[in-house]
Amino acid sequence: MNVLVTGGAGYIGSHVCKALSQKGCLPITFDNLSRGNRWAVKWGPLEEGDIADGGRLREVLEKFDPVAVMHFAAYAYVGESVAKPLDYYRNNVAATSALLQTVIDFRALPFIFSSSCATYGLPERLPISEDHPQRPINPYGQSKLIVERMLVDVHAAHGLPSIEASTASTPAVTAPSRSPARSLGAMTSRMIREATASGTLSSSP
């Protein structure tokens, strides 16, 4: 199975590509390399492009016909987001909107979105559970929450199946003693199983 991974040349994205490969999938990295690294793409092909470039993205979708999209392409520095909020709304929100439009125009593929614990803001309790109130305190967290809500609306309008995953619950990030590939592999496998169970993912190659 081919899986399109936006931001697959970044830290989390590249580990997800490794995990996908270990599960028998072919990860197709789509990255503009503005913050990713070419050397990090080791488990599948690299297709250079920007998620806001619908024409280029459509070429890649038609070339590889993926069964799902995993979206990790985003700016992710809290301090920078406070200093340059418009960069974050342009890249994390507007560009993701363009990405979703291209995916919908191609086919309503299962869409896995990498969100963030920053959507919760200052925690009322620890550990943070998924039902914790979401009150982000910086533009980065706001940008991630906007996309979460965008996905709810896109599903209602276009039937796009989606899963939001917060890196806060990924042991690879919160517990350095754990293997990032193993932890992310478990998360990725679970997401694909859930999508398959719902009838949105085909198991055929």
Protein backbone atom coordinates (compact mmCIF):
# COMPACT_ATOMS: atom_id res chain seq x y z
CA MET A 1 0.00 0.00 0.00
CA ASN A 2 1.24 3.47 -0.86
CA VAL A 3 0.81 6.14 1.82
CA LEU A 4 1.49 9.82 1.11
CA VAL A 5 3.41 11.43 3.98
CA THR A 6 3.62 15.22 3.87
CA GLY A 7 6.60 16.49 5.83
CA GLY A 8 8.17 13.04 5.62
CA ALA A 9 11.65 14.56 5.63
CA GLY A 10 11.16 15.98 9.13
CA TYR A 11 11.79 14.33 12.50
CA ILE A 12 8.39 12.80 13.23
CA GLY A 13 7.48 12.33 9.57
CA SER A 14 10.66 10.39 8.81
CA HIS A 15 10.11 8.07 11.78
CA VAL A 16 6.56 7.45 10.58
CA CYS A 17 7.92 6.61 7.13
CA LYS A 18 10.23 4.06 8.73
CA ALA A 19 7.33 2.60 10.71
CA LEU A 20 5.16 2.41 7.60
CA SER A 21 7.92 0.59 5.75
CA GLN A 22 8.22 -1.91 8.60
CA LYS A 23 4.46 -2.55 8.29
CA GLY A 24 4.81 -3.34 4.59
CA CYS A 25 3.65 0.03 3.25
CA LEU A 26 5.51 2.26 0.83
CA PRO A 27 5.75 5.80 2.27
CA ILE A 28 5.78 8.53 -0.37
CA THR A 29 7.41 11.60 1.15
CA PHE A 30 6.05 14.92 -0.13
CA ASP A 31 8.19 17.73 1.26
CA ASN A 32 9.48 21.13 0.13
CA LEU A 33 12.62 20.57 2.25
CA SER A 34 12.36 24.06 3.77
CA ARG A 35 12.80 22.47 7.20
CA GLY A 36 13.19 18.81 6.37
CA ASN A 37 16.31 16.90 5.37
CA ARG A 38 16.84 15.00 2.15
CA TRP A 39 19.04 12.47 3.97
CA ALA A 40 16.14 11.59 6.30
CA VAL A 41 14.13 10.08 3.42
CA LYS A 42 15.31 6.46 3.42
CA TRP A 43 12.25 4.22 3.23
CA GLY A 44 10.50 5.37 0.06
CA PRO A 45 10.66 7.94 -2.71
CA LEU A 46 10.96 11.68 -2.15
CA GLU A 47 8.69 13.91 -4.19
CA GLU A 48 9.62 17.57 -3.74
CA GLY A 49 6.79 20.06 -3.61
CA ASP A 50 4.75 22.37 -1.44
CA ILE A 51 1.40 21.29 -0.02
CA ALA A 52 -0.08 24.59 -1.20
CA ASP A 53 0.83 23.74 -4.82
CA GLY A 54 -2.27 21.85 -5.91
CA GLY A 55 -0.95 21.08 -9.37
CA ARG A 56 2.25 19.47 -8.13
CA LEU A 57 0.44 17.56 -5.39
CA ARG A 58 -2.12 16.26 -7.87
CA GLU A 59 0.72 14.90 -10.03
CA VAL A 60 2.04 12.91 -7.08
CA LEU A 61 -1.41 11.62 -6.11
CA GLU A 62 -2.04 10.41 -9.63
CA LYS A 63 1.44 8.88 -9.91
CA PHE A 64 1.27 6.82 -6.69
CA ASP A 65 -2.50 6.53 -6.03
CA PRO A 66 -2.05 6.34 -2.22
CA VAL A 67 -4.55 4.68 0.09
CA ALA A 68 -4.16 7.39 2.75
CA VAL A 69 -2.53 10.74 3.51
CA MET A 70 -0.54 11.41 6.68
CA HIS A 71 0.03 15.13 7.24
CA PHE A 72 3.12 16.24 9.17
CA ALA A 73 4.13 19.29 7.11
CA ALA A 74 3.94 22.25 9.50
CA TYR A 75 5.94 24.89 11.29
CA ALA A 76 6.30 23.78 14.89
CA TYR A 77 8.11 26.33 17.06
CA VAL A 78 6.02 28.02 19.73
CA GLY A 79 8.31 31.02 20.19
CA GLU A 80 8.59 31.61 16.47
CA SER A 81 4.82 31.44 16.14
CA VAL A 82 4.46 34.28 18.65
CA ALA A 83 6.97 36.42 16.75
CA LYS A 84 5.69 35.49 13.28
CA PRO A 85 2.02 34.48 13.66
CA LEU A 86 1.08 35.09 10.04
CA ASP A 87 3.76 32.65 8.86
CA TYR A 88 2.10 29.99 11.01
CA TYR A 89 -1.44 30.73 9.87
CA ARG A 90 -0.27 30.78 6.25
CA ASN A 91 1.73 27.56 6.42
CA ASN A 92 -0.18 25.51 8.97
CA VAL A 93 -3.74 26.63 8.18
CA ALA A 94 -3.99 28.09 4.67
CA ALA A 95 -1.60 25.57 3.12
CA THR A 96 -3.38 22.69 4.88
CA SER A 97 -6.68 23.99 3.50
CA ALA A 98 -5.15 23.88 0.01
CA LEU A 99 -3.87 20.36 0.68
CA LEU A 100 -7.31 19.19 1.75
CA GLN A 101 -8.93 20.70 -1.33
CA THR A 102 -6.50 18.85 -3.60
CA VAL A 103 -7.07 15.57 -1.76
CA ILE A 104 -10.85 15.97 -1.95
CA ASP A 105 -10.70 16.80 -5.65
CA PHE A 106 -8.62 13.65 -6.20
CA ARG A 107 -10.57 11.34 -3.85
CA ALA A 108 -11.69 11.52 -0.22
CA LEU A 109 -8.69 9.58 1.09
CA PRO A 110 -8.35 8.73 4.79
CA PHE A 111 -6.46 11.67 6.28
CA ILE A 112 -4.27 11.38 9.38
CA PHE A 113 -3.35 14.74 10.88
CA SER A 114 -0.47 15.33 13.27
CA SER A 115 -1.85 17.73 15.84
CA SER A 116 -0.21 18.90 19.07
CA CYS A 117 -0.64 19.09 22.82
CA ALA A 118 -0.31 22.85 22.28
CA THR A 119 -4.03 22.88 21.43
CA TYR A 120 -4.78 22.34 25.13
CA GLY A 121 -2.92 25.39 26.42
CA LEU A 122 -2.21 25.48 30.15
CA PRO A 123 -3.31 22.09 31.52
CA GLU A 124 -5.89 21.87 34.27
CA ARG A 125 -4.71 18.37 35.11
CA LEU A 126 -1.98 15.91 34.23
CA PRO A 127 -1.72 13.74 32.32
CA ILE A 128 -3.76 15.54 29.66
CA SER A 129 -6.65 13.45 28.36
CA GLU A 130 -8.36 13.90 25.00
CA ASP A 131 -11.45 15.40 26.66
CA HIS A 132 -9.39 18.18 28.26
CA PRO A 133 -10.61 21.67 27.24
CA GLN A 134 -8.71 23.04 24.25
CA ARG A 135 -7.57 26.60 24.94
CA PRO A 136 -4.31 27.23 23.05
CA ILE A 137 -2.18 30.15 24.24
CA ASN A 138 0.00 30.71 21.17
CA PRO A 139 -0.43 30.88 17.38
CA TYR A 140 1.14 27.47 16.87
CA GLY A 141 -1.46 25.79 19.08
CA GLN A 142 -4.22 27.88 17.52
CA SER A 143 -3.15 26.81 14.03
CA LYS A 144 -3.34 23.14 14.97
CA LEU A 145 -6.75 23.53 16.61
CA ILE A 146 -8.11 25.37 13.57
CA VAL A 147 -7.12 22.42 11.37
CA GLU A 148 -8.74 19.95 13.79
CA ARG A 149 -12.01 21.87 13.48
CA MET A 150 -11.53 22.20 9.73
CA LEU A 151 -11.35 18.42 9.44
CA VAL A 152 -14.67 18.03 11.27
CA ASP A 153 -16.32 20.39 8.78
CA VAL A 154 -14.64 18.76 5.77
CA HIS A 155 -15.85 15.34 6.90
CA ALA A 156 -19.41 16.65 7.23
CA ALA A 157 -19.30 18.27 3.79
CA HIS A 158 -17.25 15.77 1.79
CA GLY A 159 -17.11 12.53 3.79
CA LEU A 160 -13.36 12.77 4.27
CA PRO A 161 -12.42 10.25 7.00
CA SER A 162 -9.78 11.63 9.33
CA ILE A 163 -7.91 10.95 12.55
CA GLU A 164 -6.12 13.60 14.60
CA ALA A 165 -3.08 12.38 16.53
CA SER A 166 -1.31 14.51 19.08
CA THR A 167 2.42 13.99 19.52
CA ALA A 168 1.81 14.59 23.23
CA SER A 169 0.56 11.02 23.50
CA THR A 170 3.42 9.58 21.45
CA PRO A 171 5.97 7.87 23.74
CA ALA A 172 8.68 8.68 21.19
CA VAL A 173 8.38 12.32 22.15
CA THR A 174 7.54 12.14 25.84
CA ALA A 175 9.85 9.29 26.86
CA PRO A 176 13.32 9.43 25.29
CA SER A 177 14.14 5.95 26.56
CA ARG A 178 11.59 4.47 24.17
CA SER A 179 12.41 3.86 20.50
CA PRO A 180 10.76 6.52 18.29
CA ALA A 181 10.36 4.04 15.45
CA ARG A 182 8.73 1.41 17.69
CA SER A 183 6.39 3.88 19.38
CA LEU A 184 5.38 5.62 16.19
CA GLY A 185 5.05 2.25 14.49
CA ALA A 186 2.44 1.20 17.01
CA MET A 187 0.56 4.47 16.55
CA THR A 188 0.68 4.21 12.75
CA SER A 189 -0.42 0.58 12.77
CA ARG A 190 -3.38 1.42 15.01
CA MET A 191 -4.46 4.26 12.74
CA ILE A 192 -4.36 2.06 9.65
CA ARG A 193 -6.29 -0.71 11.46
CA GLU A 194 -8.98 1.77 12.50
CA ALA A 195 -9.30 3.15 8.98
CA THR A 196 -9.41 -0.37 7.52
CA ALA A 197 -12.09 -1.44 10.03
CA SER A 198 -14.24 1.50 9.01
CA GLY A 199 -14.03 0.44 5.38
CA THR A 200 -12.09 3.47 4.23
CA LEU A 201 -8.77 1.76 3.50
CA SER A 202 -8.28 -0.93 0.92
CA SER A 203 -5.88 -3.73 1.83
CA SER A 204 -5.02 -4.41 -1.80
CA PRO A 205 -1.57 -3.28 -3.03
